[in-house]
Amino acid sequence: MLISVAIDGPAGAGKSTIARAAAARFGFLYVDTGALYRTIALSVLRQKVDPSDEEGVKAALPQTKVELGFVDGEQRVYLNGEDVSEEIRTPEISMNASKVSAIPAVRAFLLGLQQELARTHDVLMDGRDIGTVVLPNATVKVFLTASAAVRAKRRVDQLAEKGMTVDYEQTLREIEERDENDRNRAIAPLKQAPDAVLLDTSEMTLEESIDALCALVKREVHA
């Protein structure tokens, strides 16, 4: 029987880093769905379309081919054949990903790709609505979160490691704004599924967070 682990939570909670490490331990395919929305945002911006313009974004989708590749278990994202895995990680793309993800046509455009991966692999998939919309029958559902202040500091530190300097206060404001947008959008809002287990990593190190997620998955799979 294939196992699917759905991990939801707000921006900057460390979902991708924690989920990627956990997937490697279990030998599961790791799917970062946020990267898919970021790629749509990049495509839209490259086509000179306002990411808030629903009709414009819908019109841009036929010119957008998003594919996932896996190199040594590491997810790579391709836009029209180009590897954009690094380019989609900027704060600008992050904010615009939130805007395009509120558009029903974009969510429908990516839904089939996400569900097909879960039908054919053991997956650990993270995003905003995996347990509620994408994989409502997932084997395990986790809502992974941390305080906004902790998430902002982690984001600043993460970008600093890549040689990018960003302001903490501005990052905190952007995270709070994105939380608000994600919670209140009309389609697939960010919320904890009723049967999801809450995992708050505010007081945990990265290694402790990974251990906690792995322990939780093992417990739920064998329950």
C-alpha atoms as a PDB file:
ATOM      1  CA  MET A   1       0.000   0.000   0.000  1.00  0.00           C
ATOM      2  CA  LEU A   2       1.312   3.436  -0.932  1.00  0.00           C
ATOM      3  CA  ILE A   3       1.752   5.931   1.906  1.00  0.00           C
ATOM      4  CA  SER A   4       0.994   9.620   1.529  1.00  0.00           C
ATOM      5  CA  VAL A   5       2.000  12.205   4.132  1.00  0.00           C
ATOM      6  CA  ALA A   6       0.320  15.614   3.817  1.00  0.00           C
ATOM      7  CA  ILE A   7       2.068  18.511   5.541  1.00  0.00           C
ATOM      8  CA  ASP A   8       0.384  21.896   5.679  1.00  0.00           C
ATOM      9  CA  GLY A   9       1.371  25.088   7.422  1.00  0.00           C
ATOM     10  CA  PRO A  10       2.124  28.778   6.982  1.00  0.00           C
ATOM     11  CA  ALA A  11       4.958  30.326   4.966  1.00  0.00           C
ATOM     12  CA  GLY A  12       8.384  30.065   6.541  1.00  0.00           C
ATOM     13  CA  ALA A  13       7.506  27.287   8.982  1.00  0.00           C
ATOM     14  CA  GLY A  14      10.367  25.182   7.637  1.00  0.00           C
ATOM     15  CA  LYS A  15       8.022  22.733   5.952  1.00  0.00           C
ATOM     16  CA  SER A  16      10.246  22.173   2.933  1.00  0.00           C
ATOM     17  CA  THR A  17      13.498  21.701   4.853  1.00  0.00           C
ATOM     18  CA  ILE A  18      11.942  19.446   7.493  1.00  0.00           C
ATOM     19  CA  ALA A  19       9.788  17.493   5.037  1.00  0.00           C
ATOM     20  CA  ARG A  20      12.665  16.975   2.599  1.00  0.00           C
ATOM     21  CA  ALA A  21      14.858  15.502   5.342  1.00  0.00           C
ATOM     22  CA  ALA A  22      12.041  13.285   6.628  1.00  0.00           C
ATOM     23  CA  ALA A  23      11.277  12.033   3.121  1.00  0.00           C
ATOM     24  CA  ALA A  24      14.945  11.121   2.660  1.00  0.00           C
ATOM     25  CA  ARG A  25      14.891   9.097   5.877  1.00  0.00           C
ATOM     26  CA  PHE A  26      11.800   7.171   4.803  1.00  0.00           C
ATOM     27  CA  GLY A  27      12.819   6.839   1.163  1.00  0.00           C
ATOM     28  CA  PHE A  28       9.657   8.688   0.063  1.00  0.00           C
ATOM     29  CA  LEU A  29       9.321  11.096  -2.836  1.00  0.00           C
ATOM     30  CA  TYR A  30       9.339  14.657  -1.504  1.00  0.00           C
ATOM     31  CA  VAL A  31       6.992  17.101  -3.226  1.00  0.00           C
ATOM     32  CA  ASP A  32       7.238  20.817  -2.391  1.00  0.00           C
ATOM     33  CA  THR A  33       3.965  22.120  -3.834  1.00  0.00           C
ATOM     34  CA  GLY A  34       4.835  25.697  -2.904  1.00  0.00           C
ATOM     35  CA  ALA A  35       7.560  25.524  -5.533  1.00  0.00           C
ATOM     36  CA  LEU A  36       4.891  24.850  -8.155  1.00  0.00           C
ATOM     37  CA  TYR A  37       3.005  28.035  -7.272  1.00  0.00           C
ATOM     38  CA  ARG A  38       6.241  29.990  -7.172  1.00  0.00           C
ATOM     39  CA  THR A  39       6.965  28.742 -10.689  1.00  0.00           C
ATOM     40  CA  ILE A  40       3.567  29.921 -11.890  1.00  0.00           C
ATOM     41  CA  ALA A  41       4.293  33.322 -10.326  1.00  0.00           C
ATOM     42  CA  LEU A  42       7.642  33.486 -12.136  1.00  0.00           C
ATOM     43  CA  SER A  43       6.010  32.555 -15.437  1.00  0.00           C
ATOM     44  CA  VAL A  44       3.336  35.202 -15.004  1.00  0.00           C
ATOM     45  CA  LEU A  45       5.882  37.900 -14.164  1.00  0.00           C
ATOM     46  CA  ARG A  46       8.016  36.928 -17.155  1.00  0.00           C
ATOM     47  CA  GLN A  47       4.937  37.332 -19.336  1.00  0.00           C
ATOM     48  CA  LYS A  48       4.492  40.860 -17.895  1.00  0.00           C
ATOM     49  CA  VAL A  49       1.181  39.931 -16.255  1.00  0.00           C
ATOM     50  CA  ASP A  50       0.069  41.290 -12.865  1.00  0.00           C
ATOM     51  CA  PRO A  51      -0.166  38.231 -10.531  1.00  0.00           C
ATOM     52  CA  SER A  52      -3.333  39.758  -9.016  1.00  0.00           C
ATOM     53  CA  ASP A  53      -5.043  39.924 -12.429  1.00  0.00           C
ATOM     54  CA  GLU A  54      -7.084  36.715 -12.485  1.00  0.00           C
ATOM     55  CA  GLU A  55      -7.989  36.867 -16.171  1.00  0.00           C
ATOM     56  CA  GLY A  56      -4.440  37.770 -17.153  1.00  0.00           C
ATOM     57  CA  VAL A  57      -3.026  34.893 -15.138  1.00  0.00           C
ATOM     58  CA  LYS A  58      -5.533  32.448 -16.647  1.00  0.00           C
ATOM     59  CA  ALA A  59      -4.504  33.615 -20.115  1.00  0.00           C
ATOM     60  CA  ALA A  60      -0.833  33.045 -19.223  1.00  0.00           C
ATOM     61  CA  LEU A  61      -1.307  29.411 -18.133  1.00  0.00           C
ATOM     62  CA  PRO A  62      -1.304  27.841 -21.639  1.00  0.00           C
ATOM     63  CA  GLN A  63       2.200  29.290 -22.115  1.00  0.00           C
ATOM     64  CA  THR A  64       3.313  27.764 -18.815  1.00  0.00           C
ATOM     65  CA  LYS A  65       4.667  24.224 -18.598  1.00  0.00           C
ATOM     66  CA  VAL A  66       5.626  23.182 -15.073  1.00  0.00           C
ATOM     67  CA  GLU A  67       7.478  19.924 -14.482  1.00  0.00           C
ATOM     68  CA  LEU A  68       9.117  18.295 -11.497  1.00  0.00           C
ATOM     69  CA  GLY A  69      12.355  16.386 -11.734  1.00  0.00           C
ATOM     70  CA  PHE A  70      14.199  14.497  -9.024  1.00  0.00           C
ATOM     71  CA  VAL A  71      17.986  14.451  -8.905  1.00  0.00           C
ATOM     72  CA  ASP A  72      19.371  12.186  -6.161  1.00  0.00           C
ATOM     73  CA  GLY A  73      16.005  12.472  -4.436  1.00  0.00           C
ATOM     74  CA  GLU A  74      16.160  16.274  -4.594  1.00  0.00           C
ATOM     75  CA  GLN A  75      13.217  18.019  -6.227  1.00  0.00           C
ATOM     76  CA  ARG A  76      14.019  20.330  -9.140  1.00  0.00           C
ATOM     77  CA  VAL A  77      11.390  22.520 -10.778  1.00  0.00           C
ATOM     78  CA  TYR A  78      11.323  23.283 -14.479  1.00  0.00           C
ATOM     79  CA  LEU A  79       9.505  26.099 -16.251  1.00  0.00           C
ATOM     80  CA  ASN A  80       9.196  25.438 -19.963  1.00  0.00           C
ATOM     81  CA  GLY A  81      12.217  23.168 -19.734  1.00  0.00           C
ATOM     82  CA  GLU A  82      14.402  25.582 -17.718  1.00  0.00           C
ATOM     83  CA  ASP A  83      15.518  24.669 -14.189  1.00  0.00           C
ATOM     84  CA  VAL A  84      14.236  27.573 -12.056  1.00  0.00           C
ATOM     85  CA  SER A  85      14.679  25.893  -8.658  1.00  0.00           C
ATOM     86  CA  GLU A  86      16.896  28.710  -7.329  1.00  0.00           C
ATOM     87  CA  GLU A  87      15.239  31.647  -9.090  1.00  0.00           C
ATOM     88  CA  ILE A  88      11.840  30.971  -7.469  1.00  0.00           C
ATOM     89  CA  ARG A  89      13.202  31.406  -3.912  1.00  0.00           C
ATOM     90  CA  THR A  90      13.287  35.210  -3.750  1.00  0.00           C
ATOM     91  CA  PRO A  91      10.956  37.211  -1.446  1.00  0.00           C
ATOM     92  CA  GLU A  92       9.358  38.845  -4.519  1.00  0.00           C
ATOM     93  CA  ILE A  93       8.391  35.475  -5.976  1.00  0.00           C
ATOM     94  CA  SER A  94       7.171  34.331  -2.566  1.00  0.00           C
ATOM     95  CA  MET A  95       4.716  37.234  -2.267  1.00  0.00           C
ATOM     96  CA  ASN A  96       3.481  36.783  -5.832  1.00  0.00           C
ATOM     97  CA  ALA A  97       3.084  33.021  -5.349  1.00  0.00           C
ATOM     98  CA  SER A  98       0.550  33.830  -2.632  1.00  0.00           C
ATOM     99  CA  LYS A  99      -1.385  35.973  -5.118  1.00  0.00           C
ATOM    100  CA  VAL A 100      -1.514  33.430  -7.946  1.00  0.00           C
ATOM    101  CA  SER A 101      -2.352  30.596  -5.537  1.00  0.00           C
ATOM    102  CA  ALA A 102      -5.620  32.375  -4.699  1.00  0.00           C
ATOM    103  CA  ILE A 103      -6.762  31.967  -8.322  1.00  0.00           C
ATOM    104  CA  PRO A 104      -8.969  28.873  -8.884  1.00  0.00           C
ATOM    105  CA  ALA A 105      -7.647  28.259 -12.399  1.00  0.00           C
ATOM    106  CA  VAL A 106      -4.073  28.035 -11.078  1.00  0.00           C
ATOM    107  CA  ARG A 107      -5.008  25.545  -8.368  1.00  0.00           C
ATOM    108  CA  ALA A 108      -6.920  23.424 -10.900  1.00  0.00           C
ATOM    109  CA  PHE A 109      -3.955  23.639 -13.299  1.00  0.00           C
ATOM    110  CA  LEU A 110      -1.612  22.090 -10.689  1.00  0.00           C
ATOM    111  CA  LEU A 111      -3.992  19.720  -8.882  1.00  0.00           C
ATOM    112  CA  GLY A 112      -3.688  16.822 -11.326  1.00  0.00           C
ATOM    113  CA  LEU A 113       0.121  16.912 -11.262  1.00  0.00           C
ATOM    114  CA  GLN A 114       0.164  16.722  -7.458  1.00  0.00           C
ATOM    115  CA  GLN A 115      -2.414  13.944  -7.187  1.00  0.00           C
ATOM    116  CA  GLU A 116      -0.736  11.846  -9.880  1.00  0.00           C
ATOM    117  CA  LEU A 117       2.519  11.830  -7.891  1.00  0.00           C
ATOM    118  CA  ALA A 118       0.648  10.500  -4.836  1.00  0.00           C
ATOM    119  CA  ARG A 119      -1.041   7.817  -6.931  1.00  0.00           C
ATOM    120  CA  THR A 120       2.274   6.446  -8.151  1.00  0.00           C
ATOM    121  CA  HIS A 121       4.729   6.935  -5.255  1.00  0.00           C
ATOM    122  CA  ASP A 122       5.059   6.956  -1.480  1.00  0.00           C
ATOM    123  CA  VAL A 123       5.047  10.734  -1.043  1.00  0.00           C
ATOM    124  CA  LEU A 124       5.653  13.354   1.563  1.00  0.00           C
ATOM    125  CA  MET A 125       3.963  16.454   0.164  1.00  0.00           C
ATOM    126  CA  ASP A 126       3.867  19.899   1.710  1.00  0.00           C
ATOM    127  CA  GLY A 127       1.874  23.039   1.003  1.00  0.00           C
ATOM    128  CA  ARG A 128      -1.116  25.013   2.280  1.00  0.00           C
ATOM    129  CA  ASP A 129      -4.056  22.751   1.407  1.00  0.00           C
ATOM    130  CA  ILE A 130      -2.602  19.277   0.969  1.00  0.00           C
ATOM    131  CA  GLY A 131      -4.570  17.605   3.753  1.00  0.00           C
ATOM    132  CA  THR A 132      -7.744  19.559   3.074  1.00  0.00           C
ATOM    133  CA  VAL A 133      -7.917  19.625  -0.747  1.00  0.00           C
ATOM    134  CA  VAL A 134      -5.099  17.897  -2.633  1.00  0.00           C
ATOM    135  CA  LEU A 135      -4.815  14.667  -0.619  1.00  0.00           C
ATOM    136  CA  PRO A 136      -7.917  14.582   1.606  1.00  0.00           C
ATOM    137  CA  ASN A 137      -7.409  10.826   2.146  1.00  0.00           C
ATOM    138  CA  ALA A 138      -3.713  11.049   3.016  1.00  0.00           C
ATOM    139  CA  THR A 139      -2.350   8.322   5.291  1.00  0.00           C
ATOM    140  CA  VAL A 140      -0.934  10.953   7.667  1.00  0.00           C
ATOM    141  CA  LYS A 141      -1.779  14.650   7.976  1.00  0.00           C
ATOM    142  CA  VAL A 142       0.393  17.151   9.826  1.00  0.00           C
ATOM    143  CA  PHE A 143      -0.079  20.884  10.392  1.00  0.00           C
ATOM    144  CA  LEU A 144       3.441  22.205  10.877  1.00  0.00           C
ATOM    145  CA  THR A 145       3.801  25.718  12.220  1.00  0.00           C
ATOM    146  CA  ALA A 146       5.957  28.158  14.210  1.00  0.00           C
ATOM    147  CA  SER A 147       5.452  31.714  15.470  1.00  0.00           C
ATOM    148  CA  ALA A 148       5.683  34.527  12.902  1.00  0.00           C
ATOM    149  CA  ALA A 149       8.722  36.013  14.682  1.00  0.00           C
ATOM    150  CA  VAL A 150      10.596  32.701  14.587  1.00  0.00           C
ATOM    151  CA  ARG A 151       9.661  32.164  10.944  1.00  0.00           C
ATOM    152  CA  ALA A 152      10.919  35.628   9.982  1.00  0.00           C
ATOM    153  CA  LYS A 153      14.274  35.064  11.711  1.00  0.00           C
ATOM    154  CA  ARG A 154      14.683  31.676  10.038  1.00  0.00           C
ATOM    155  CA  ARG A 155      13.932  33.226   6.654  1.00  0.00           C
ATOM    156  CA  VAL A 156      16.486  36.011   7.144  1.00  0.00           C
ATOM    157  CA  ASP A 157      19.129  33.491   8.241  1.00  0.00           C
ATOM    158  CA  GLN A 158      18.323  31.188   5.314  1.00  0.00           C
ATOM    159  CA  LEU A 159      18.733  33.982   2.762  1.00  0.00           C
ATOM    160  CA  ALA A 160      21.901  35.211   4.491  1.00  0.00           C
ATOM    161  CA  GLU A 161      23.435  31.781   3.932  1.00  0.00           C
ATOM    162  CA  LYS A 162      22.796  32.316   0.220  1.00  0.00           C
ATOM    163  CA  GLY A 163      24.473  35.723   0.349  1.00  0.00           C
ATOM    164  CA  MET A 164      21.204  37.684   0.285  1.00  0.00           C
ATOM    165  CA  THR A 165      20.634  40.411   2.873  1.00  0.00           C
ATOM    166  CA  VAL A 166      17.030  41.199   3.814  1.00  0.00           C
ATOM    167  CA  ASP A 167      15.551  43.305   6.599  1.00  0.00           C
ATOM    168  CA  TYR A 168      14.049  41.350   9.517  1.00  0.00           C
ATOM    169  CA  GLU A 169      11.162  43.760  10.175  1.00  0.00           C
ATOM    170  CA  GLN A 170      10.201  43.819   6.517  1.00  0.00           C
ATOM    171  CA  THR A 171      10.415  40.020   6.363  1.00  0.00           C
ATOM    172  CA  LEU A 172       8.182  39.742   9.436  1.00  0.00           C
ATOM    173  CA  ARG A 173       5.623  42.092   7.865  1.00  0.00           C
ATOM    174  CA  GLU A 174       5.666  40.080   4.627  1.00  0.00           C
ATOM    175  CA  ILE A 175       5.146  36.809   6.518  1.00  0.00           C
ATOM    176  CA  GLU A 176       2.251  38.256   8.519  1.00  0.00           C
ATOM    177  CA  GLU A 177       0.723  39.652   5.317  1.00  0.00           C
ATOM    178  CA  ARG A 178       1.101  36.310   3.560  1.00  0.00           C
ATOM    179  CA  ASP A 179      -0.466  34.503   6.552  1.00  0.00           C
ATOM    180  CA  GLU A 180      -3.427  36.863   6.335  1.00  0.00           C
ATOM    181  CA  ASN A 181      -3.772  36.342   2.579  1.00  0.00           C
ATOM    182  CA  ASP A 182      -3.467  32.556   2.845  1.00  0.00           C
ATOM    183  CA  ARG A 183      -5.971  32.254   5.708  1.00  0.00           C
ATOM    184  CA  ASN A 184      -8.584  34.477   4.140  1.00  0.00           C
ATOM    185  CA  ARG A 185      -8.516  33.591   0.459  1.00  0.00           C
ATOM    186  CA  ALA A 186     -11.789  32.297  -0.946  1.00  0.00           C
ATOM    187  CA  ILE A 187     -10.395  29.096  -2.424  1.00  0.00           C
ATOM    188  CA  ALA A 188      -8.418  26.497  -0.439  1.00  0.00           C
ATOM    189  CA  PRO A 189      -7.565  28.764   2.513  1.00  0.00           C
ATOM    190  CA  LEU A 190      -4.756  27.796   4.883  1.00  0.00           C
ATOM    191  CA  LYS A 191      -6.275  25.845   7.757  1.00  0.00           C
ATOM    192  CA  GLN A 192      -5.584  22.771   9.817  1.00  0.00           C
ATOM    193  CA  ALA A 193      -7.510  19.705   8.641  1.00  0.00           C
ATOM    194  CA  PRO A 194      -9.711  18.296  11.440  1.00  0.00           C
ATOM    195  CA  ASP A 195      -7.738  15.043  11.407  1.00  0.00           C
ATOM    196  CA  ALA A 196      -4.273  16.646  11.154  1.00  0.00           C
ATOM    197  CA  VAL A 197      -1.772  16.506  14.015  1.00  0.00           C
ATOM    198  CA  LEU A 198      -0.371  19.898  15.104  1.00  0.00           C
ATOM    199  CA  LEU A 199       3.433  20.188  15.196  1.00  0.00           C
ATOM    200  CA  ASP A 200       4.765  23.545  16.471  1.00  0.00           C
ATOM    201  CA  THR A 201       8.529  23.855  15.926  1.00  0.00           C
ATOM    202  CA  SER A 202       9.005  27.347  17.435  1.00  0.00           C
ATOM    203  CA  GLU A 203      11.155  26.002  20.272  1.00  0.00           C
ATOM    204  CA  MET A 204      12.835  23.219  18.294  1.00  0.00           C
ATOM    205  CA  THR A 205      16.124  23.075  16.436  1.00  0.00           C
ATOM    206  CA  LEU A 206      16.024  21.828  12.862  1.00  0.00           C
ATOM    207  CA  GLU A 207      17.198  18.353  13.872  1.00  0.00           C
ATOM    208  CA  GLU A 208      14.615  18.177  16.662  1.00  0.00           C
ATOM    209  CA  SER A 209      11.902  19.218  14.213  1.00  0.00           C
ATOM    210  CA  ILE A 210      12.900  16.485  11.747  1.00  0.00           C
ATOM    211  CA  ASP A 211      12.979  13.880  14.526  1.00  0.00           C
ATOM    212  CA  ALA A 212       9.561  15.017  15.767  1.00  0.00           C
ATOM    213  CA  LEU A 213       8.022  14.768  12.294  1.00  0.00           C
ATOM    214  CA  CYS A 214       9.518  11.315  11.660  1.00  0.00           C
ATOM    215  CA  ALA A 215       8.284  10.046  15.038  1.00  0.00           C
ATOM    216  CA  LEU A 216       4.821  11.419  14.320  1.00  0.00           C
ATOM    217  CA  VAL A 217       4.664   9.798  10.875  1.00  0.00           C
ATOM    218  CA  LYS A 218       5.792   6.415  12.259  1.00  0.00           C
ATOM    219  CA  ARG A 219       3.201   6.614  15.034  1.00  0.00           C
ATOM    220  CA  GLU A 220       0.358   7.519  12.675  1.00  0.00           C
ATOM    221  CA  VAL A 221       1.279   4.944  10.011  1.00  0.00           C
ATOM    222  CA  HIS A 222       1.378   2.154  12.587  1.00  0.00           C
ATOM    223  CA  ALA A 223      -1.647   3.349  14.576  1.00  0.00           C
END
